[in-house]
Amino acid sequence: MTDNVIRDYCRAIKKKTSMGDYIGALGIADRLVYAFPHSDKGYYYRGICYYGLERYEDSIANYKMALKIDPLSAKTYFNLGTCYQQLKQFDLALINIGKALILFSRKKDDNAKLKCIDAIQFIEYKRNG
């Protein structure tokens, strides 16, 4: 039952973010965190919302909370790395995307691994160029 409710919240958040309504999605994510504070999903989606609003520090804080709950979330590490990239904190960006690459490799998710490799190459380019 709980999993179904969390999935419903996540669907509603995804729908709002797909339309670019990050404020509306953030409201739903806030309710998800309030209702299920021990689920990483609310924090993860708040991170996405804050990123969409270009509030990278808030995004980072929420991704870190999500990782405290689920320290093996490859997609959270990837998104955390992209926040650090936006803040030009390239070393932290590379560390977190590197963690995502390792976790995606363990899951044998080749598409996600390639996305990580592309991101790492882009960050190295930005850092050195």
N, C-alpha and C. Protein backbone atom coordinates (compact mmCIF):
# COMPACT_ATOMS: atom_id res chain seq x y z
N MET A 1 0.82 -1.20 0.00
CA MET A 1 0.00 0.00 0.00
C MET A 1 0.87 1.26 0.00
N THR A 2 1.84 1.31 0.91
CA THR A 2 2.73 2.47 1.00
C THR A 2 3.46 2.69 -0.32
N ASP A 3 3.98 1.60 -0.91
CA ASP A 3 4.70 1.72 -2.17
C ASP A 3 3.82 2.30 -3.27
N ASN A 4 2.56 1.91 -3.30
CA ASN A 4 1.63 2.44 -4.31
C ASN A 4 1.40 3.94 -4.13
N VAL A 5 1.28 4.37 -2.90
CA VAL A 5 1.07 5.79 -2.63
C VAL A 5 2.31 6.58 -3.04
N ILE A 6 3.48 6.08 -2.69
CA ILE A 6 4.73 6.76 -3.08
C ILE A 6 4.83 6.83 -4.60
N ARG A 7 4.48 5.74 -5.28
CA ARG A 7 4.51 5.74 -6.76
C ARG A 7 3.56 6.78 -7.33
N ASP A 8 2.39 6.92 -6.71
CA ASP A 8 1.43 7.94 -7.17
C ASP A 8 2.00 9.34 -7.03
N TYR A 9 2.63 9.61 -5.90
CA TYR A 9 3.29 10.91 -5.71
C TYR A 9 4.35 11.12 -6.80
N CYS A 10 5.16 10.11 -7.03
CA CYS A 10 6.25 10.21 -8.01
C CYS A 10 5.70 10.47 -9.41
N ARG A 11 4.63 9.79 -9.78
CA ARG A 11 4.00 10.03 -11.09
C ARG A 11 3.52 11.47 -11.21
N ALA A 12 2.91 11.97 -10.16
CA ALA A 12 2.41 13.35 -10.18
C ALA A 12 3.56 14.35 -10.30
N ILE A 13 4.65 14.08 -9.62
CA ILE A 13 5.82 14.95 -9.69
C ILE A 13 6.41 14.93 -11.10
N LYS A 14 6.56 13.73 -11.66
CA LYS A 14 7.11 13.60 -13.02
C LYS A 14 6.25 14.33 -14.03
N LYS A 15 4.93 14.24 -13.87
CA LYS A 15 4.02 14.93 -14.79
C LYS A 15 4.25 16.44 -14.73
N LYS A 16 4.35 16.98 -13.52
CA LYS A 16 4.56 18.42 -13.36
C LYS A 16 5.92 18.85 -13.93
N THR A 17 6.97 18.07 -13.62
CA THR A 17 8.30 18.46 -14.11
C THR A 17 8.39 18.34 -15.62
N SER A 18 7.68 17.38 -16.21
CA SER A 18 7.71 17.24 -17.68
C SER A 18 7.08 18.45 -18.36
N MET A 19 6.20 19.15 -17.63
CA MET A 19 5.57 20.36 -18.16
C MET A 19 6.34 21.62 -17.75
N GLY A 20 7.44 21.43 -17.02
CA GLY A 20 8.24 22.56 -16.58
C GLY A 20 7.70 23.25 -15.34
N ASP A 21 6.72 22.64 -14.69
CA ASP A 21 6.13 23.23 -13.48
C ASP A 21 6.88 22.73 -12.25
N TYR A 22 8.07 23.29 -12.03
CA TYR A 22 8.90 22.85 -10.92
C TYR A 22 8.35 23.30 -9.57
N ILE A 23 7.68 24.43 -9.54
CA ILE A 23 7.07 24.90 -8.29
C ILE A 23 5.95 23.94 -7.87
N GLY A 24 5.08 23.60 -8.81
CA GLY A 24 4.00 22.66 -8.51
C GLY A 24 4.54 21.30 -8.11
N ALA A 25 5.56 20.84 -8.83
CA ALA A 25 6.17 19.55 -8.51
C ALA A 25 6.83 19.59 -7.13
N LEU A 26 7.43 20.71 -6.80
CA LEU A 26 8.07 20.85 -5.50
C LEU A 26 7.04 20.75 -4.37
N GLY A 27 5.87 21.31 -4.57
CA GLY A 27 4.82 21.20 -3.57
C GLY A 27 4.43 19.74 -3.33
N ILE A 28 4.34 18.98 -4.40
CA ILE A 28 4.00 17.56 -4.27
C ILE A 28 5.15 16.81 -3.59
N ALA A 29 6.38 17.13 -3.98
CA ALA A 29 7.55 16.48 -3.37
C ALA A 29 7.63 16.80 -1.88
N ASP A 30 7.30 18.03 -1.51
CA ASP A 30 7.27 18.39 -0.09
C ASP A 30 6.27 17.53 0.68
N ARG A 31 5.10 17.34 0.07
CA ARG A 31 4.08 16.50 0.72
C ARG A 31 4.56 15.05 0.84
N LEU A 32 5.29 14.59 -0.19
CA LEU A 32 5.83 13.23 -0.16
C LEU A 32 6.84 13.08 0.99
N VAL A 33 7.72 14.06 1.14
CA VAL A 33 8.70 14.02 2.24
C VAL A 33 7.98 14.04 3.59
N TYR A 34 6.96 14.86 3.70
CA TYR A 34 6.22 14.96 4.96
C TYR A 34 5.51 13.63 5.29
N ALA A 35 4.90 13.04 4.27
CA ALA A 35 4.15 11.80 4.48
C ALA A 35 5.06 10.59 4.69
N PHE A 36 6.21 10.58 4.01
CA PHE A 36 7.11 9.42 4.05
C PHE A 36 8.55 9.91 4.23
N PRO A 37 8.89 10.41 5.42
CA PRO A 37 10.23 10.99 5.63
C PRO A 37 11.36 9.96 5.55
N HIS A 38 11.03 8.68 5.62
CA HIS A 38 12.08 7.65 5.56
C HIS A 38 12.25 7.07 4.16
N SER A 39 11.57 7.67 3.18
CA SER A 39 11.74 7.28 1.78
C SER A 39 12.67 8.27 1.10
N ASP A 40 13.58 7.76 0.30
CA ASP A 40 14.49 8.64 -0.43
C ASP A 40 13.80 9.38 -1.58
N LYS A 41 12.66 8.89 -2.01
CA LYS A 41 12.00 9.43 -3.21
C LYS A 41 11.65 10.91 -3.10
N GLY A 42 11.10 11.33 -1.97
CA GLY A 42 10.72 12.73 -1.82
C GLY A 42 11.93 13.65 -1.92
N TYR A 43 13.02 13.27 -1.26
CA TYR A 43 14.23 14.08 -1.31
C TYR A 43 14.83 14.09 -2.71
N TYR A 44 14.81 12.93 -3.35
CA TYR A 44 15.32 12.84 -4.72
C TYR A 44 14.55 13.78 -5.64
N TYR A 45 13.23 13.73 -5.57
CA TYR A 45 12.44 14.58 -6.46
C TYR A 45 12.50 16.05 -6.07
N ARG A 46 12.67 16.34 -4.79
CA ARG A 46 12.90 17.74 -4.42
C ARG A 46 14.21 18.22 -5.04
N GLY A 47 15.21 17.34 -5.06
CA GLY A 47 16.47 17.69 -5.71
C GLY A 47 16.27 18.04 -7.18
N ILE A 48 15.46 17.25 -7.86
CA ILE A 48 15.16 17.52 -9.27
C ILE A 48 14.46 18.87 -9.42
N CYS A 49 13.49 19.12 -8.56
CA CYS A 49 12.73 20.38 -8.63
C CYS A 49 13.65 21.58 -8.40
N TYR A 50 14.46 21.51 -7.36
CA TYR A 50 15.38 22.62 -7.08
C TYR A 50 16.38 22.81 -8.21
N TYR A 51 16.82 21.73 -8.81
CA TYR A 51 17.73 21.85 -9.96
C TYR A 51 17.03 22.59 -11.10
N GLY A 52 15.79 22.22 -11.37
CA GLY A 52 15.02 22.89 -12.41
C GLY A 52 14.81 24.37 -12.13
N LEU A 53 14.81 24.73 -10.85
CA LEU A 53 14.66 26.13 -10.45
C LEU A 53 16.02 26.83 -10.31
N GLU A 54 17.09 26.11 -10.66
CA GLU A 54 18.47 26.59 -10.59
C GLU A 54 18.88 26.96 -9.16
N ARG A 55 18.31 26.24 -8.22
CA ARG A 55 18.67 26.40 -6.80
C ARG A 55 19.55 25.19 -6.43
N TYR A 56 20.79 25.22 -6.91
CA TYR A 56 21.66 24.06 -6.85
C TYR A 56 22.04 23.66 -5.43
N GLU A 57 22.24 24.63 -4.54
CA GLU A 57 22.59 24.29 -3.15
C GLU A 57 21.44 23.52 -2.49
N ASP A 58 20.19 23.96 -2.73
CA ASP A 58 19.04 23.25 -2.19
C ASP A 58 18.93 21.86 -2.81
N SER A 59 19.22 21.77 -4.08
CA SER A 59 19.20 20.49 -4.77
C SER A 59 20.22 19.53 -4.15
N ILE A 60 21.42 20.03 -3.93
CA ILE A 60 22.49 19.23 -3.31
C ILE A 60 22.07 18.72 -1.94
N ALA A 61 21.50 19.60 -1.14
CA ALA A 61 21.08 19.20 0.21
C ALA A 61 20.06 18.06 0.17
N ASN A 62 19.14 18.13 -0.78
CA ASN A 62 18.13 17.08 -0.88
C ASN A 62 18.71 15.78 -1.43
N TYR A 63 19.60 15.88 -2.40
CA TYR A 63 20.24 14.66 -2.90
C TYR A 63 21.05 13.99 -1.79
N LYS A 64 21.71 14.77 -0.97
CA LYS A 64 22.47 14.20 0.15
C LYS A 64 21.55 13.49 1.14
N MET A 65 20.37 14.08 1.39
CA MET A 65 19.40 13.41 2.27
C MET A 65 18.94 12.09 1.65
N ALA A 66 18.68 12.10 0.35
CA ALA A 66 18.26 10.88 -0.34
C ALA A 66 19.34 9.80 -0.22
N LEU A 67 20.59 10.21 -0.35
CA LEU A 67 21.70 9.25 -0.27
C LEU A 67 21.91 8.71 1.15
N LYS A 68 21.52 9.48 2.16
CA LYS A 68 21.59 8.95 3.53
C LYS A 68 20.62 7.78 3.68
N ILE A 69 19.49 7.87 2.97
CA ILE A 69 18.48 6.82 3.05
C ILE A 69 18.82 5.66 2.12
N ASP A 70 19.27 5.98 0.91
CA ASP A 70 19.63 4.95 -0.06
C ASP A 70 21.01 5.27 -0.64
N PRO A 71 22.07 4.81 0.03
CA PRO A 71 23.43 5.14 -0.41
C PRO A 71 23.88 4.41 -1.67
N LEU A 72 23.01 3.60 -2.26
CA LEU A 72 23.36 2.89 -3.49
C LEU A 72 22.58 3.40 -4.70
N SER A 73 22.04 4.61 -4.61
CA SER A 73 21.25 5.17 -5.70
C SER A 73 22.15 5.85 -6.73
N ALA A 74 22.40 5.14 -7.81
CA ALA A 74 23.28 5.65 -8.86
C ALA A 74 22.74 6.94 -9.46
N LYS A 75 21.44 7.00 -9.71
CA LYS A 75 20.88 8.19 -10.34
C LYS A 75 20.99 9.40 -9.42
N THR A 76 20.93 9.19 -8.11
CA THR A 76 21.09 10.32 -7.18
C THR A 76 22.52 10.83 -7.20
N TYR A 77 23.49 9.92 -7.23
CA TYR A 77 24.89 10.36 -7.34
C TYR A 77 25.12 11.11 -8.64
N PHE A 78 24.53 10.63 -9.72
CA PHE A 78 24.70 11.31 -11.01
C PHE A 78 24.14 12.73 -10.93
N ASN A 79 22.92 12.86 -10.42
CA ASN A 79 22.30 14.18 -10.33
C ASN A 79 23.07 15.10 -9.39
N LEU A 80 23.57 14.55 -8.30
CA LEU A 80 24.39 15.33 -7.37
C LEU A 80 25.62 15.86 -8.09
N GLY A 81 26.24 15.00 -8.89
CA GLY A 81 27.40 15.44 -9.67
C GLY A 81 27.07 16.56 -10.63
N THR A 82 25.90 16.50 -11.26
CA THR A 82 25.54 17.57 -12.20
C THR A 82 25.31 18.90 -11.46
N CYS A 83 24.83 18.83 -10.24
CA CYS A 83 24.68 20.06 -9.44
C CYS A 83 26.05 20.68 -9.18
N TYR A 84 26.99 19.84 -8.76
CA TYR A 84 28.34 20.36 -8.51
C TYR A 84 28.95 20.92 -9.78
N GLN A 85 28.67 20.31 -10.90
CA GLN A 85 29.16 20.83 -12.18
C GLN A 85 28.62 22.24 -12.42
N GLN A 86 27.33 22.43 -12.17
CA GLN A 86 26.72 23.75 -12.36
C GLN A 86 27.39 24.80 -11.47
N LEU A 87 27.84 24.39 -10.30
CA LEU A 87 28.50 25.31 -9.37
C LEU A 87 30.00 25.40 -9.63
N LYS A 88 30.45 24.74 -10.71
CA LYS A 88 31.86 24.71 -11.10
C LYS A 88 32.76 24.08 -10.03
N GLN A 89 32.19 23.18 -9.26
CA GLN A 89 32.95 22.40 -8.29
C GLN A 89 33.25 21.05 -8.96
N PHE A 90 34.19 21.13 -9.90
CA PHE A 90 34.41 20.01 -10.81
C PHE A 90 34.93 18.75 -10.13
N ASP A 91 35.76 18.89 -9.11
CA ASP A 91 36.25 17.69 -8.42
C ASP A 91 35.10 16.91 -7.78
N LEU A 92 34.21 17.64 -7.10
CA LEU A 92 33.06 16.98 -6.48
C LEU A 92 32.12 16.40 -7.54
N ALA A 93 32.01 17.10 -8.65
CA ALA A 93 31.18 16.58 -9.75
C ALA A 93 31.74 15.25 -10.25
N LEU A 94 33.05 15.20 -10.46
CA LEU A 94 33.67 13.97 -10.96
C LEU A 94 33.57 12.83 -9.95
N ILE A 95 33.74 13.13 -8.69
CA ILE A 95 33.65 12.09 -7.65
C ILE A 95 32.26 11.46 -7.67
N ASN A 96 31.22 12.29 -7.69
CA ASN A 96 29.86 11.77 -7.61
C ASN A 96 29.43 11.07 -8.90
N ILE A 97 29.80 11.60 -10.03
CA ILE A 97 29.45 10.91 -11.28
C ILE A 97 30.27 9.63 -11.41
N GLY A 98 31.48 9.62 -10.87
CA GLY A 98 32.27 8.39 -10.83
C GLY A 98 31.60 7.32 -9.98
N LYS A 99 31.02 7.73 -8.84
CA LYS A 99 30.28 6.77 -8.00
C LYS A 99 29.07 6.23 -8.77
N ALA A 100 28.40 7.12 -9.48
CA ALA A 100 27.25 6.69 -10.29
C ALA A 100 27.70 5.68 -11.34
N LEU A 101 28.82 5.93 -11.98
CA LEU A 101 29.34 5.02 -13.00
C LEU A 101 29.60 3.63 -12.42
N ILE A 102 30.19 3.59 -11.25
CA ILE A 102 30.45 2.30 -10.60
C ILE A 102 29.14 1.57 -10.32
N LEU A 103 28.18 2.28 -9.75
CA LEU A 103 26.90 1.66 -9.40
C LEU A 103 26.12 1.22 -10.63
N PHE A 104 26.12 2.04 -11.68
CA PHE A 104 25.46 1.64 -12.92
C PHE A 104 26.16 0.44 -13.55
N SER A 105 27.48 0.38 -13.41
CA SER A 105 28.23 -0.77 -13.94
C SER A 105 27.83 -2.05 -13.22
N ARG A 106 27.65 -1.96 -11.92
CA ARG A 106 27.22 -3.14 -11.15
C ARG A 106 25.84 -3.60 -11.58
N LYS A 107 25.00 -2.66 -11.99
CA LYS A 107 23.65 -2.99 -12.44
C LYS A 107 23.62 -3.41 -13.91
N LYS A 108 24.78 -3.29 -14.56
CA LYS A 108 24.90 -3.61 -15.99
C LYS A 108 23.98 -2.75 -16.85
N ASP A 109 23.87 -1.47 -16.47
CA ASP A 109 23.06 -0.50 -17.21
C ASP A 109 23.97 0.26 -18.16
N ASP A 110 24.12 -0.29 -19.37
CA ASP A 110 25.07 0.26 -20.33
C ASP A 110 24.72 1.68 -20.78
N ASN A 111 23.45 1.99 -20.94
CA ASN A 111 23.06 3.35 -21.36
C ASN A 111 23.43 4.37 -20.29
N ALA A 112 23.17 4.04 -19.05
CA ALA A 112 23.51 4.95 -17.95
C ALA A 112 25.03 5.08 -17.81
N LYS A 113 25.75 3.98 -18.02
CA LYS A 113 27.21 4.05 -17.97
C LYS A 113 27.75 5.00 -19.02
N LEU A 114 27.22 4.92 -20.23
CA LEU A 114 27.65 5.83 -21.31
C LEU A 114 27.32 7.28 -20.98
N LYS A 115 26.18 7.51 -20.36
CA LYS A 115 25.80 8.86 -19.94
C LYS A 115 26.80 9.39 -18.92
N CYS A 116 27.23 8.54 -18.00
CA CYS A 116 28.24 8.94 -17.01
C CYS A 116 29.57 9.26 -17.68
N ILE A 117 29.98 8.41 -18.58
CA ILE A 117 31.25 8.63 -19.27
C ILE A 117 31.21 9.94 -20.05
N ASP A 118 30.11 10.20 -20.75
CA ASP A 118 29.95 11.47 -21.47
C ASP A 118 30.02 12.66 -20.51
N ALA A 119 29.37 12.53 -19.37
CA ALA A 119 29.38 13.62 -18.38
C ALA A 119 30.78 13.85 -17.84
N ILE A 120 31.50 12.78 -17.55
CA ILE A 120 32.87 12.91 -17.05
C ILE A 120 33.75 13.60 -18.08
N GLN A 121 33.63 13.21 -19.34
CA GLN A 121 34.41 13.85 -20.39
C GLN A 121 34.07 15.33 -20.52
N PHE A 122 32.78 15.65 -20.41
CA PHE A 122 32.35 17.04 -20.50
C PHE A 122 32.89 17.87 -19.34
N ILE A 123 32.84 17.31 -18.13
CA ILE A 123 33.36 18.02 -16.96
C ILE A 123 34.86 18.23 -17.09
N GLU A 124 35.57 17.23 -17.54
CA GLU A 124 37.02 17.38 -17.76
C GLU A 124 37.30 18.47 -18.78
N TYR A 125 36.51 18.53 -19.82
CA TYR A 125 36.64 19.58 -20.83
C TYR A 125 36.41 20.95 -20.20
N LYS A 126 35.33 21.08 -19.42
CA LYS A 126 35.01 22.35 -18.77
C LYS A 126 36.09 22.77 -17.78
N ARG A 127 36.60 21.78 -17.05
CA ARG A 127 37.61 22.07 -16.04
C ARG A 127 38.93 22.50 -16.67
N ASN A 128 39.27 21.89 -17.77
CA ASN A 128 40.58 22.15 -18.38
C ASN A 128 40.53 23.18 -19.51
N GLY A 129 39.35 23.51 -19.97
CA GLY A 129 39.28 24.39 -21.13
C GLY A 129 38.58 25.63 -20.82
